[in-house]
Amino acid sequence: MTKTGQSATLLHSHSVLIIHKEYNVAKEELLQFEGLVTEILPDARYRVQLDNGHQLVAYTAGRMKKNRIKTLAGDRVTVEVSPYDLEKGRLIFRHKDERAGSLSRPPQRHQFRRR
């Protein structure tokens, strides 16, 4: 048994090394916290003040980038944090704001489609 959870078998007749991977190794769960974005930093990073008072630096998750969800200072967010490094996190959700519905938005322009 090797350190990475793999077992190696050596067949004497053909001198071939066969590696069996064990896939039932438990993965460490990510911690989720809610907080408030206090500052926008360079390189698409944010300083987040968690509800428990802890501050960390977080980046936007790929799903939020893909759906073009913008985050501003003062937004409530959900952050995923690894238990190994509690100073860094990933923004996975931006909560709806009560005052967002009261703001008047300009009408959306329709996209032109070529045929």
PDB file of N, CA and C in Angstrom:
ATOM      1  N   MET A   1       0.863  -1.172   0.000  1.00  0.00           N
ATOM      2  CA  MET A   1       0.000   0.000   0.000  1.00  0.00           C
ATOM      3  C   MET A   1       0.908   1.233   0.000  1.00  0.00           C
ATOM      4  N   THR A   2       0.686   2.144  -0.925  1.00  0.00           N
ATOM      5  CA  THR A   2       1.489   3.365  -0.998  1.00  0.00           C
ATOM      6  C   THR A   2       0.811   4.476  -0.220  1.00  0.00           C
ATOM      7  N   LYS A   3       1.472   5.646  -0.110  1.00  0.00           N
ATOM      8  CA  LYS A   3       0.956   6.754   0.681  1.00  0.00           C
ATOM      9  C   LYS A   3      -0.318   7.353   0.099  1.00  0.00           C
ATOM     10  N   THR A   4      -0.520   7.298  -1.202  1.00  0.00           N
ATOM     11  CA  THR A   4      -1.666   7.955  -1.833  1.00  0.00           C
ATOM     12  C   THR A   4      -2.905   7.091  -1.850  1.00  0.00           C
ATOM     13  N   GLY A   5      -2.919   5.973  -1.167  1.00  0.00           N
ATOM     14  CA  GLY A   5      -4.100   5.119  -1.140  1.00  0.00           C
ATOM     15  C   GLY A   5      -4.150   4.175  -2.317  1.00  0.00           C
ATOM     16  N   GLN A   6      -3.016   3.862  -2.922  1.00  0.00           N
ATOM     17  CA  GLN A   6      -2.966   2.954  -4.057  1.00  0.00           C
ATOM     18  C   GLN A   6      -2.212   1.703  -3.631  1.00  0.00           C
ATOM     19  N   SER A   7      -2.607   0.582  -4.200  1.00  0.00           N
ATOM     20  CA  SER A   7      -1.867  -0.648  -3.937  1.00  0.00           C
ATOM     21  C   SER A   7      -1.213  -1.093  -5.235  1.00  0.00           C
ATOM     22  N   ALA A   8      -0.016  -1.570  -5.137  1.00  0.00           N
ATOM     23  CA  ALA A   8       0.723  -1.989  -6.327  1.00  0.00           C
ATOM     24  C   ALA A   8       0.948  -3.497  -6.270  1.00  0.00           C
ATOM     25  N   THR A   9       0.807  -4.147  -7.419  1.00  0.00           N
ATOM     26  CA  THR A   9       1.006  -5.587  -7.523  1.00  0.00           C
ATOM     27  C   THR A   9       2.020  -5.841  -8.631  1.00  0.00           C
ATOM     28  N   LEU A  10       2.991  -6.678  -8.370  1.00  0.00           N
ATOM     29  CA  LEU A  10       3.988  -7.007  -9.376  1.00  0.00           C
ATOM     30  C   LEU A  10       3.771  -8.450  -9.807  1.00  0.00           C
ATOM     31  N   LEU A  11       3.459  -8.634 -11.085  1.00  0.00           N
ATOM     32  CA  LEU A  11       3.291  -9.981 -11.621  1.00  0.00           C
ATOM     33  C   LEU A  11       4.667 -10.496 -12.043  1.00  0.00           C
ATOM     34  N   HIS A  12       5.083 -11.641 -11.480  1.00  0.00           N
ATOM     35  CA  HIS A  12       6.416 -12.164 -11.734  1.00  0.00           C
ATOM     36  C   HIS A  12       6.553 -12.746 -13.136  1.00  0.00           C
ATOM     37  N   SER A  13       5.480 -13.255 -13.705  1.00  0.00           N
ATOM     38  CA  SER A  13       5.620 -13.918 -14.992  1.00  0.00           C
ATOM     39  C   SER A  13       5.912 -12.927 -16.124  1.00  0.00           C
ATOM     40  N   HIS A  14       5.304 -11.727 -16.073  1.00  0.00           N
ATOM     41  CA  HIS A  14       5.520 -10.761 -17.159  1.00  0.00           C
ATOM     42  C   HIS A  14       6.242  -9.514 -16.674  1.00  0.00           C
ATOM     43  N   SER A  15       6.520  -9.419 -15.393  1.00  0.00           N
ATOM     44  CA  SER A  15       7.166  -8.252 -14.795  1.00  0.00           C
ATOM     45  C   SER A  15       6.416  -6.956 -15.148  1.00  0.00           C
ATOM     46  N   VAL A  16       5.106  -6.971 -14.911  1.00  0.00           N
ATOM     47  CA  VAL A  16       4.265  -5.809 -15.195  1.00  0.00           C
ATOM     48  C   VAL A  16       3.738  -5.276 -13.860  1.00  0.00           C
ATOM     49  N   LEU A  17       3.785  -3.980 -13.701  1.00  0.00           N
ATOM     50  CA  LEU A  17       3.297  -3.336 -12.486  1.00  0.00           C
ATOM     51  C   LEU A  17       1.859  -2.882 -12.725  1.00  0.00           C
ATOM     52  N   ILE A  18       0.953  -3.366 -11.890  1.00  0.00           N
ATOM     53  CA  ILE A  18      -0.458  -3.005 -11.988  1.00  0.00           C
ATOM     54  C   ILE A  18      -0.808  -2.184 -10.756  1.00  0.00           C
ATOM     55  N   ILE A  19      -1.442  -1.032 -10.969  1.00  0.00           N
ATOM     56  CA  ILE A  19      -1.806  -0.148  -9.866  1.00  0.00           C
ATOM     57  C   ILE A  19      -3.317  -0.155  -9.716  1.00  0.00           C
ATOM     58  N   HIS A  20      -3.788  -0.462  -8.505  1.00  0.00           N
ATOM     59  CA  HIS A  20      -5.215  -0.441  -8.182  1.00  0.00           C
ATOM     60  C   HIS A  20      -5.479   0.794  -7.335  1.00  0.00           C
ATOM     61  N   LYS A  21      -6.389   1.650  -7.793  1.00  0.00           N
ATOM     62  CA  LYS A  21      -6.726   2.850  -7.033  1.00  0.00           C
ATOM     63  C   LYS A  21      -7.923   2.561  -6.138  1.00  0.00           C
ATOM     64  N   GLU A  22      -7.874   3.097  -4.943  1.00  0.00           N
ATOM     65  CA  GLU A  22      -8.986   2.974  -4.020  1.00  0.00           C
ATOM     66  C   GLU A  22      -9.763   4.286  -4.060  1.00  0.00           C
ATOM     67  N   TYR A  23     -11.009   4.253  -4.514  1.00  0.00           N
ATOM     68  CA  TYR A  23     -11.802   5.456  -4.695  1.00  0.00           C
ATOM     69  C   TYR A  23     -12.689   5.778  -3.501  1.00  0.00           C
ATOM     70  N   ASN A  24     -12.643   4.982  -2.463  1.00  0.00           N
ATOM     71  CA  ASN A  24     -13.513   5.221  -1.327  1.00  0.00           C
ATOM     72  C   ASN A  24     -12.850   6.059  -0.237  1.00  0.00           C
ATOM     73  N   VAL A  25     -11.803   6.811  -0.572  1.00  0.00           N
ATOM     74  CA  VAL A  25     -11.141   7.675   0.391  1.00  0.00           C
ATOM     75  C   VAL A  25     -12.013   8.905   0.582  1.00  0.00           C
ATOM     76  N   ALA A  26     -12.335   9.241   1.828  1.00  0.00           N
ATOM     77  CA  ALA A  26     -13.232  10.355   2.121  1.00  0.00           C
ATOM     78  C   ALA A  26     -12.560  11.681   1.807  1.00  0.00           C
ATOM     79  N   LYS A  27     -13.321  12.584   1.165  1.00  0.00           N
ATOM     80  CA  LYS A  27     -12.828  13.913   0.853  1.00  0.00           C
ATOM     81  C   LYS A  27     -13.301  14.869   1.941  1.00  0.00           C
ATOM     82  N   GLU A  28     -12.458  15.797   2.302  1.00  0.00           N
ATOM     83  CA  GLU A  28     -12.807  16.738   3.358  1.00  0.00           C
ATOM     84  C   GLU A  28     -13.894  17.684   2.867  1.00  0.00           C
ATOM     85  N   GLU A  29     -14.925  17.876   3.677  1.00  0.00           N
ATOM     86  CA  GLU A  29     -16.051  18.732   3.303  1.00  0.00           C
ATOM     87  C   GLU A  29     -15.665  20.200   3.426  1.00  0.00           C
ATOM     88  N   LEU A  30     -16.226  21.032   2.528  1.00  0.00           N
ATOM     89  CA  LEU A  30     -16.008  22.470   2.590  1.00  0.00           C
ATOM     90  C   LEU A  30     -16.998  23.087   3.566  1.00  0.00           C
ATOM     91  N   LEU A  31     -16.557  24.123   4.259  1.00  0.00           N
ATOM     92  CA  LEU A  31     -17.402  24.822   5.216  1.00  0.00           C
ATOM     93  C   LEU A  31     -18.096  25.975   4.504  1.00  0.00           C
ATOM     94  N   GLN A  32     -19.363  26.228   4.826  1.00  0.00           N
ATOM     95  CA  GLN A  32     -20.101  27.332   4.227  1.00  0.00           C
ATOM     96  C   GLN A  32     -20.450  28.348   5.304  1.00  0.00           C
ATOM     97  N   PHE A  33     -20.195  29.625   4.982  1.00  0.00           N
ATOM     98  CA  PHE A  33     -20.501  30.721   5.891  1.00  0.00           C
ATOM     99  C   PHE A  33     -21.213  31.813   5.115  1.00  0.00           C
ATOM    100  N   GLU A  34     -21.959  32.642   5.840  1.00  0.00           N
ATOM    101  CA  GLU A  34     -22.556  33.832   5.241  1.00  0.00           C
ATOM    102  C   GLU A  34     -21.812  35.038   5.751  1.00  0.00           C
ATOM    103  N   GLY A  35     -21.731  36.069   4.883  1.00  0.00           N
ATOM    104  CA  GLY A  35     -21.013  37.266   5.283  1.00  0.00           C
ATOM    105  C   GLY A  35     -21.384  38.446   4.418  1.00  0.00           C
ATOM    106  N   LEU A  36     -20.626  39.525   4.597  1.00  0.00           N
ATOM    107  CA  LEU A  36     -20.864  40.785   3.920  1.00  0.00           C
ATOM    108  C   LEU A  36     -19.594  41.200   3.195  1.00  0.00           C
ATOM    109  N   VAL A  37     -19.711  41.561   1.918  1.00  0.00           N
ATOM    110  CA  VAL A  37     -18.556  42.033   1.148  1.00  0.00           C
ATOM    111  C   VAL A  37     -18.227  43.436   1.639  1.00  0.00           C
ATOM    112  N   THR A  38     -17.011  43.633   2.150  1.00  0.00           N
ATOM    113  CA  THR A  38     -16.620  44.939   2.673  1.00  0.00           C
ATOM    114  C   THR A  38     -15.752  45.717   1.705  1.00  0.00           C
ATOM    115  N   GLU A  39     -15.011  45.002   0.830  1.00  0.00           N
ATOM    116  CA  GLU A  39     -14.074  45.691  -0.063  1.00  0.00           C
ATOM    117  C   GLU A  39     -13.877  44.865  -1.324  1.00  0.00           C
ATOM    118  N   ILE A  40     -13.761  45.551  -2.449  1.00  0.00           N
ATOM    119  CA  ILE A  40     -13.444  44.886  -3.715  1.00  0.00           C
ATOM    120  C   ILE A  40     -11.948  45.057  -3.948  1.00  0.00           C
ATOM    121  N   LEU A  41     -11.253  43.941  -4.134  1.00  0.00           N
ATOM    122  CA  LEU A  41      -9.805  43.936  -4.310  1.00  0.00           C
ATOM    123  C   LEU A  41      -9.464  43.681  -5.779  1.00  0.00           C
ATOM    124  N   PRO A  42      -8.219  43.926  -6.182  1.00  0.00           N
ATOM    125  CA  PRO A  42      -7.817  43.611  -7.565  1.00  0.00           C
ATOM    126  C   PRO A  42      -7.892  42.111  -7.853  1.00  0.00           C
ATOM    127  N   ASP A  43      -7.844  41.766  -9.123  1.00  0.00           N
ATOM    128  CA  ASP A  43      -7.857  40.377  -9.594  1.00  0.00           C
ATOM    129  C   ASP A  43      -9.139  39.645  -9.214  1.00  0.00           C
ATOM    130  N   ALA A  44     -10.273  40.351  -9.247  1.00  0.00           N
ATOM    131  CA  ALA A  44     -11.598  39.759  -9.004  1.00  0.00           C
ATOM    132  C   ALA A  44     -11.671  39.067  -7.646  1.00  0.00           C
ATOM    133  N   ARG A  45     -11.099  39.700  -6.644  1.00  0.00           N
ATOM    134  CA  ARG A  45     -11.158  39.178  -5.281  1.00  0.00           C
ATOM    135  C   ARG A  45     -11.926  40.160  -4.404  1.00  0.00           C
ATOM    136  N   TYR A  46     -12.422  39.644  -3.273  1.00  0.00           N
ATOM    137  CA  TYR A  46     -13.240  40.436  -2.370  1.00  0.00           C
ATOM    138  C   TYR A  46     -12.815  40.187  -0.940  1.00  0.00           C
ATOM    139  N   ARG A  47     -12.898  41.232  -0.102  1.00  0.00           N
ATOM    140  CA  ARG A  47     -12.688  41.053   1.329  1.00  0.00           C
ATOM    141  C   ARG A  47     -14.076  40.882   1.941  1.00  0.00           C
ATOM    142  N   VAL A  48     -14.274  39.774   2.664  1.00  0.00           N
ATOM    143  CA  VAL A  48     -15.586  39.422   3.197  1.00  0.00           C
ATOM    144  C   VAL A  48     -15.502  39.363   4.716  1.00  0.00           C
ATOM    145  N   GLN A  49     -16.438  40.041   5.368  1.00  0.00           N
ATOM    146  CA  GLN A  49     -16.575  39.976   6.827  1.00  0.00           C
ATOM    147  C   GLN A  49     -17.667  38.966   7.117  1.00  0.00           C
ATOM    148  N   LEU A  50     -17.303  37.830   7.730  1.00  0.00           N
ATOM    149  CA  LEU A  50     -18.281  36.795   8.042  1.00  0.00           C
ATOM    150  C   LEU A  50     -19.147  37.221   9.219  1.00  0.00           C
ATOM    151  N   ASP A  51     -20.282  36.555   9.374  1.00  0.00           N
ATOM    152  CA  ASP A  51     -21.200  36.881  10.460  1.00  0.00           C
ATOM    153  C   ASP A  51     -20.584  36.634  11.836  1.00  0.00           C
ATOM    154  N   ASN A  52     -19.604  35.736  11.908  1.00  0.00           N
ATOM    155  CA  ASN A  52     -18.955  35.454  13.193  1.00  0.00           C
ATOM    156  C   ASN A  52     -17.797  36.414  13.483  1.00  0.00           C
ATOM    157  N   GLY A  53     -17.572  37.419  12.608  1.00  0.00           N
ATOM    158  CA  GLY A  53     -16.534  38.418  12.842  1.00  0.00           C
ATOM    159  C   GLY A  53     -15.223  38.160  12.136  1.00  0.00           C
ATOM    160  N   HIS A  54     -15.041  36.978  11.576  1.00  0.00           N
ATOM    161  CA  HIS A  54     -13.799  36.621  10.893  1.00  0.00           C
ATOM    162  C   HIS A  54     -13.758  37.285   9.515  1.00  0.00           C
ATOM    163  N   GLN A  55     -12.565  37.762   9.093  1.00  0.00           N
ATOM    164  CA  GLN A  55     -12.409  38.346   7.762  1.00  0.00           C
ATOM    165  C   GLN A  55     -11.574  37.415   6.902  1.00  0.00           C
ATOM    166  N   LEU A  56     -11.935  37.331   5.604  1.00  0.00           N
ATOM    167  CA  LEU A  56     -11.158  36.523   4.675  1.00  0.00           C
ATOM    168  C   LEU A  56     -11.214  37.134   3.294  1.00  0.00           C
ATOM    169  N   VAL A  57     -10.352  36.637   2.408  1.00  0.00           N
ATOM    170  CA  VAL A  57     -10.319  37.075   1.016  1.00  0.00           C
ATOM    171  C   VAL A  57     -10.945  35.965   0.185  1.00  0.00           C
ATOM    172  N   ALA A  58     -11.893  36.336  -0.685  1.00  0.00           N
ATOM    173  CA  ALA A  58     -12.625  35.339  -1.470  1.00  0.00           C
ATOM    174  C   ALA A  58     -12.602  35.728  -2.941  1.00  0.00           C
ATOM    175  N   TYR A  59     -12.724  34.722  -3.801  1.00  0.00           N
ATOM    176  CA  TYR A  59     -12.839  34.956  -5.239  1.00  0.00           C
ATOM    177  C   TYR A  59     -14.187  34.431  -5.704  1.00  0.00           C
ATOM    178  N   THR A  60     -14.581  34.853  -6.908  1.00  0.00           N
ATOM    179  CA  THR A  60     -15.884  34.473  -7.439  1.00  0.00           C
ATOM    180  C   THR A  60     -15.825  33.073  -8.023  1.00  0.00           C
ATOM    181  N   ALA A  61     -16.823  32.251  -7.727  1.00  0.00           N
ATOM    182  CA  ALA A  61     -16.896  30.899  -8.269  1.00  0.00           C
ATOM    183  C   ALA A  61     -17.149  30.962  -9.776  1.00  0.00           C
ATOM    184  N   GLY A  62     -16.734  29.932 -10.475  1.00  0.00           N
ATOM    185  CA  GLY A  62     -16.880  29.883 -11.929  1.00  0.00           C
ATOM    186  C   GLY A  62     -18.320  29.936 -12.392  1.00  0.00           C
ATOM    187  N   ARG A  63     -19.234  29.358 -11.629  1.00  0.00           N
ATOM    188  CA  ARG A  63     -20.644  29.373 -12.010  1.00  0.00           C
ATOM    189  C   ARG A  63     -21.197  30.798 -11.951  1.00  0.00           C
ATOM    190  N   MET A  64     -20.715  31.601 -10.978  1.00  0.00           N
ATOM    191  CA  MET A  64     -21.146  32.988 -10.901  1.00  0.00           C
ATOM    192  C   MET A  64     -20.552  33.806 -12.043  1.00  0.00           C
ATOM    193  N   LYS A  65     -19.318  33.503 -12.430  1.00  0.00           N
ATOM    194  CA  LYS A  65     -18.710  34.187 -13.579  1.00  0.00           C
ATOM    195  C   LYS A  65     -19.450  33.832 -14.855  1.00  0.00           C
ATOM    196  N   LYS A  66     -19.773  32.569 -15.012  1.00  0.00           N
ATOM    197  CA  LYS A  66     -20.457  32.100 -16.218  1.00  0.00           C
ATOM    198  C   LYS A  66     -21.806  32.768 -16.388  1.00  0.00           C
ATOM    199  N   ASN A  67     -22.545  32.941 -15.294  1.00  0.00           N
ATOM    200  CA  ASN A  67     -23.862  33.571 -15.342  1.00  0.00           C
ATOM    201  C   ASN A  67     -23.804  35.083 -15.171  1.00  0.00           C
ATOM    202  N   ARG A  68     -22.606  35.636 -15.156  1.00  0.00           N
ATOM    203  CA  ARG A  68     -22.369  37.082 -15.080  1.00  0.00           C
ATOM    204  C   ARG A  68     -23.053  37.728 -13.879  1.00  0.00           C
ATOM    205  N   ILE A  69     -22.886  37.114 -12.724  1.00  0.00           N
ATOM    206  CA  ILE A  69     -23.443  37.663 -11.490  1.00  0.00           C
ATOM    207  C   ILE A  69     -22.400  38.604 -10.897  1.00  0.00           C
ATOM    208  N   LYS A  70     -22.751  39.863 -10.801  1.00  0.00           N
ATOM    209  CA  LYS A  70     -21.834  40.884 -10.295  1.00  0.00           C
ATOM    210  C   LYS A  70     -21.994  41.021  -8.786  1.00  0.00           C
ATOM    211  N   THR A  71     -20.887  41.275  -8.105  1.00  0.00           N
ATOM    212  CA  THR A  71     -20.892  41.445  -6.662  1.00  0.00           C
ATOM    213  C   THR A  71     -20.312  42.808  -6.334  1.00  0.00           C
ATOM    214  N   LEU A  72     -20.990  43.560  -5.494  1.00  0.00           N
ATOM    215  CA  LEU A  72     -20.549  44.889  -5.089  1.00  0.00           C
ATOM    216  C   LEU A  72     -20.306  44.913  -3.588  1.00  0.00           C
ATOM    217  N   ALA A  73     -19.626  45.957  -3.142  1.00  0.00           N
ATOM    218  CA  ALA A  73     -19.408  46.121  -1.707  1.00  0.00           C
ATOM    219  C   ALA A  73     -20.758  46.327  -1.031  1.00  0.00           C
ATOM    220  N   GLY A  74     -20.971  45.633   0.081  1.00  0.00           N
ATOM    221  CA  GLY A  74     -22.230  45.715   0.803  1.00  0.00           C
ATOM    222  C   GLY A  74     -23.173  44.566   0.510  1.00  0.00           C
ATOM    223  N   ASP A  75     -22.845  43.697  -0.438  1.00  0.00           N
ATOM    224  CA  ASP A  75     -23.694  42.552  -0.773  1.00  0.00           C
ATOM    225  C   ASP A  75     -23.540  41.446   0.259  1.00  0.00           C
ATOM    226  N   ARG A  76     -24.642  40.749   0.558  1.00  0.00           N
ATOM    227  CA  ARG A  76     -24.605  39.559   1.404  1.00  0.00           C
ATOM    228  C   ARG A  76     -24.276  38.375   0.518  1.00  0.00           C
ATOM    229  N   VAL A  77     -23.336  37.536   0.936  1.00  0.00           N
ATOM    230  CA  VAL A  77     -22.875  36.415   0.122  1.00  0.00           C
ATOM    231  C   VAL A  77     -22.735  35.166   0.984  1.00  0.00           C
ATOM    232  N   THR A  78     -22.714  34.018   0.314  1.00  0.00           N
ATOM    233  CA  THR A  78     -22.366  32.748   0.940  1.00  0.00           C
ATOM    234  C   THR A  78     -20.977  32.363   0.434  1.00  0.00           C
ATOM    235  N   VAL A  79     -20.112  31.959   1.359  1.00  0.00           N
ATOM    236  CA  VAL A  79     -18.713  31.675   1.048  1.00  0.00           C
ATOM    237  C   VAL A  79     -18.398  30.238   1.420  1.00  0.00           C
ATOM    238  N   GLU A  80     -17.713  29.518   0.517  1.00  0.00           N
ATOM    239  CA  GLU A  80     -17.185  28.181   0.824  1.00  0.00           C
ATOM    240  C   GLU A  80     -15.737  28.332   1.258  1.00  0.00           C
ATOM    241  N   VAL A  81     -15.377  27.667   2.356  1.00  0.00           N
ATOM    242  CA  VAL A  81     -14.027  27.764   2.903  1.00  0.00           C
ATOM    243  C   VAL A  81     -13.496  26.362   3.153  1.00  0.00           C
ATOM    244  N   SER A  82     -12.244  26.130   2.785  1.00  0.00           N
ATOM    245  CA  SER A  82     -11.599  24.858   3.066  1.00  0.00           C
ATOM    246  C   SER A  82     -11.213  24.819   4.546  1.00  0.00           C
ATOM    247  N   PRO A  83     -11.355  23.671   5.186  1.00  0.00           N
ATOM    248  CA  PRO A  83     -10.957  23.599   6.605  1.00  0.00           C
ATOM    249  C   PRO A  83      -9.447  23.709   6.802  1.00  0.00           C
ATOM    250  N   TYR A  84      -8.667  23.604   5.734  1.00  0.00           N
ATOM    251  CA  TYR A  84      -7.214  23.668   5.845  1.00  0.00           C
ATOM    252  C   TYR A  84      -6.693  25.096   5.802  1.00  0.00           C
ATOM    253  N   ASP A  85      -7.419  26.018   5.104  1.00  0.00           N
ATOM    254  CA  ASP A  85      -6.989  27.406   5.009  1.00  0.00           C
ATOM    255  C   ASP A  85      -8.213  28.292   5.217  1.00  0.00           C
ATOM    256  N   LEU A  86      -8.353  28.832   6.414  1.00  0.00           N
ATOM    257  CA  LEU A  86      -9.532  29.611   6.772  1.00  0.00           C
ATOM    258  C   LEU A  86      -9.403  31.081   6.382  1.00  0.00           C
ATOM    259  N   GLU A  87      -8.331  31.452   5.693  1.00  0.00           N
ATOM    260  CA  GLU A  87      -8.125  32.840   5.269  1.00  0.00           C
ATOM    261  C   GLU A  87      -8.582  33.080   3.836  1.00  0.00           C
ATOM    262  N   LYS A  88      -8.877  32.020   3.096  1.00  0.00           N
ATOM    263  CA  LYS A  88      -9.283  32.148   1.692  1.00  0.00           C
ATOM    264  C   LYS A  88     -10.605  31.433   1.490  1.00  0.00           C
ATOM    265  N   GLY A  89     -11.410  31.945   0.540  1.00  0.00           N
ATOM    266  CA  GLY A  89     -12.694  31.324   0.293  1.00  0.00           C
ATOM    267  C   GLY A  89     -13.155  31.553  -1.135  1.00  0.00           C
ATOM    268  N   ARG A  90     -14.332  31.012  -1.444  1.00  0.00           N
ATOM    269  CA  ARG A  90     -14.926  31.120  -2.780  1.00  0.00           C
ATOM    270  C   ARG A  90     -16.358  31.602  -2.612  1.00  0.00           C
ATOM    271  N   LEU A  91     -16.716  32.698  -3.309  1.00  0.00           N
ATOM    272  CA  LEU A  91     -18.095  33.194  -3.291  1.00  0.00           C
ATOM    273  C   LEU A  91     -18.933  32.262  -4.143  1.00  0.00           C
ATOM    274  N   ILE A  92     -19.952  31.649  -3.554  1.00  0.00           N
ATOM    275  CA  ILE A  92     -20.768  30.721  -4.326  1.00  0.00           C
ATOM    276  C   ILE A  92     -22.193  31.212  -4.520  1.00  0.00           C
ATOM    277  N   PHE A  93     -22.603  32.258  -3.749  1.00  0.00           N
ATOM    278  CA  PHE A  93     -23.977  32.733  -3.885  1.00  0.00           C
ATOM    279  C   PHE A  93     -24.060  34.172  -3.416  1.00  0.00           C
ATOM    280  N   ARG A  94     -24.749  35.019  -4.204  1.00  0.00           N
ATOM    281  CA  ARG A  94     -25.023  36.401  -3.800  1.00  0.00           C
ATOM    282  C   ARG A  94     -26.492  36.478  -3.457  1.00  0.00           C
ATOM    283  N   HIS A  95     -26.789  36.871  -2.220  1.00  0.00           N
ATOM    284  CA  HIS A  95     -28.173  36.908  -1.760  1.00  0.00           C
ATOM    285  C   HIS A  95     -28.903  38.102  -2.343  1.00  0.00           C
ATOM    286  N   LYS A  96     -30.192  37.914  -2.611  1.00  0.00           N
ATOM    287  CA  LYS A  96     -31.031  39.006  -3.107  1.00  0.00           C
ATOM    288  C   LYS A  96     -31.158  40.058  -2.016  1.00  0.00           C
ATOM    289  N   ASP A  97     -31.165  41.301  -2.445  1.00  0.00           N
ATOM    290  CA  ASP A  97     -31.267  42.416  -1.514  1.00  0.00           C
ATOM    291  C   ASP A  97     -32.686  42.961  -1.528  1.00  0.00           C
ATOM    292  N   GLU A  98     -33.191  43.411  -0.370  1.00  0.00           N
ATOM    293  CA  GLU A  98     -34.547  43.939  -0.307  1.00  0.00           C
ATOM    294  C   GLU A  98     -34.675  45.217  -1.116  1.00  0.00           C
ATOM    295  N   ARG A  99     -33.632  46.056  -1.089  1.00  0.00           N
ATOM    296  CA  ARG A  99     -33.718  47.330  -1.785  1.00  0.00           C
ATOM    297  C   ARG A  99     -33.472  47.195  -3.277  1.00  0.00           C
ATOM    298  N   ALA A 100     -33.057  46.029  -3.764  1.00  0.00           N
ATOM    299  CA  ALA A 100     -32.778  45.859  -5.194  1.00  0.00           C
ATOM    300  C   ALA A 100     -34.057  45.969  -6.015  1.00  0.00           C
ATOM    301  N   GLY A 101     -35.211  45.588  -5.462  1.00  0.00           N
ATOM    302  CA  GLY A 101     -36.460  45.668  -6.198  1.00  0.00           C
ATOM    303  C   GLY A 101     -36.968  47.090  -6.325  1.00  0.00           C
ATOM    304  N   SER A 102     -36.583  47.983  -5.411  1.00  0.00           N
ATOM    305  CA  SER A 102     -37.083  49.344  -5.442  1.00  0.00           C
ATOM    306  C   SER A 102     -36.316  50.225  -6.431  1.00  0.00           C
ATOM    307  N   LEU A 103     -35.123  49.810  -6.832  1.00  0.00           N
ATOM    308  CA  LEU A 103     -34.353  50.603  -7.783  1.00  0.00           C
ATOM    309  C   LEU A 103     -34.955  50.472  -9.170  1.00  0.00           C
ATOM    310  N   SER A 104     -35.017  51.590  -9.879  1.00  0.00           N
ATOM    311  CA  SER A 104     -35.554  51.538 -11.239  1.00  0.00           C
ATOM    312  C   SER A 104     -34.427  51.150 -12.196  1.00  0.00           C
ATOM    313  N   ARG A 105     -34.671  50.126 -12.964  1.00  0.00           N
ATOM    314  CA  ARG A 105     -33.682  49.654 -13.927  1.00  0.00           C
ATOM    315  C   ARG A 105     -34.075  50.134 -15.301  1.00  0.00           C
ATOM    316  N   PRO A 106     -33.099  50.480 -16.125  1.00  0.00           N
ATOM    317  CA  PRO A 106     -33.438  50.873 -17.493  1.00  0.00           C
ATOM    318  C   PRO A 106     -33.980  49.664 -18.252  1.00  0.00           C
ATOM    319  N   PRO A 107     -34.864  49.886 -19.216  1.00  0.00           N
ATOM    320  CA  PRO A 107     -35.411  48.747 -19.967  1.00  0.00           C
ATOM    321  C   PRO A 107     -34.304  48.044 -20.750  1.00  0.00           C
ATOM    322  N   GLN A 108     -34.417  46.712 -20.832  1.00  0.00           N
ATOM    323  CA  GLN A 108     -33.412  45.942 -21.542  1.00  0.00           C
ATOM    324  C   GLN A 108     -33.600  46.084 -23.040  1.00  0.00           C
ATOM    325  N   ARG A 109     -32.490  46.196 -23.736  1.00  0.00           N
ATOM    326  CA  ARG A 109     -32.549  46.263 -25.199  1.00  0.00           C
ATOM    327  C   ARG A 109     -32.524  44.837 -25.744  1.00  0.00           C
ATOM    328  N   HIS A 110     -33.298  44.616 -26.773  1.00  0.00           N
ATOM    329  CA  HIS A 110     -33.328  43.297 -27.373  1.00  0.00           C
ATOM    330  C   HIS A 110     -32.095  43.087 -28.232  1.00  0.00           C
ATOM    331  N   GLN A 111     -31.569  41.885 -28.185  1.00  0.00           N
ATOM    332  CA  GLN A 111     -30.413  41.541 -28.994  1.00  0.00           C
ATOM    333  C   GLN A 111     -30.866  41.267 -30.427  1.00  0.00           C
ATOM    334  N   PHE A 112     -30.071  41.717 -31.384  1.00  0.00           N
ATOM    335  CA  PHE A 112     -30.388  41.453 -32.774  1.00  0.00           C
ATOM    336  C   PHE A 112     -29.851  40.091 -33.161  1.00  0.00           C
ATOM    337  N   ARG A 113     -30.655  39.319 -33.858  1.00  0.00           N
ATOM    338  CA  ARG A 113     -30.249  37.984 -34.299  1.00  0.00           C
ATOM    339  C   ARG A 113     -30.134  37.986 -35.802  1.00  0.00           C
ATOM    340  N   ARG A 114     -29.032  37.466 -36.282  1.00  0.00           N
ATOM    341  CA  ARG A 114     -28.836  37.307 -37.717  1.00  0.00           C
ATOM    342  C   ARG A 114     -29.483  36.040 -38.177  1.00  0.00           C
ATOM    343  N   ARG A 115     -30.010  36.063 -39.383  1.00  0.00           N
ATOM    344  CA  ARG A 115     -30.596  34.838 -39.933  1.00  0.00           C
ATOM    345  C   ARG A 115     -29.698  34.244 -40.961  1.00  0.00           C
TER     346      ARG A 115
END
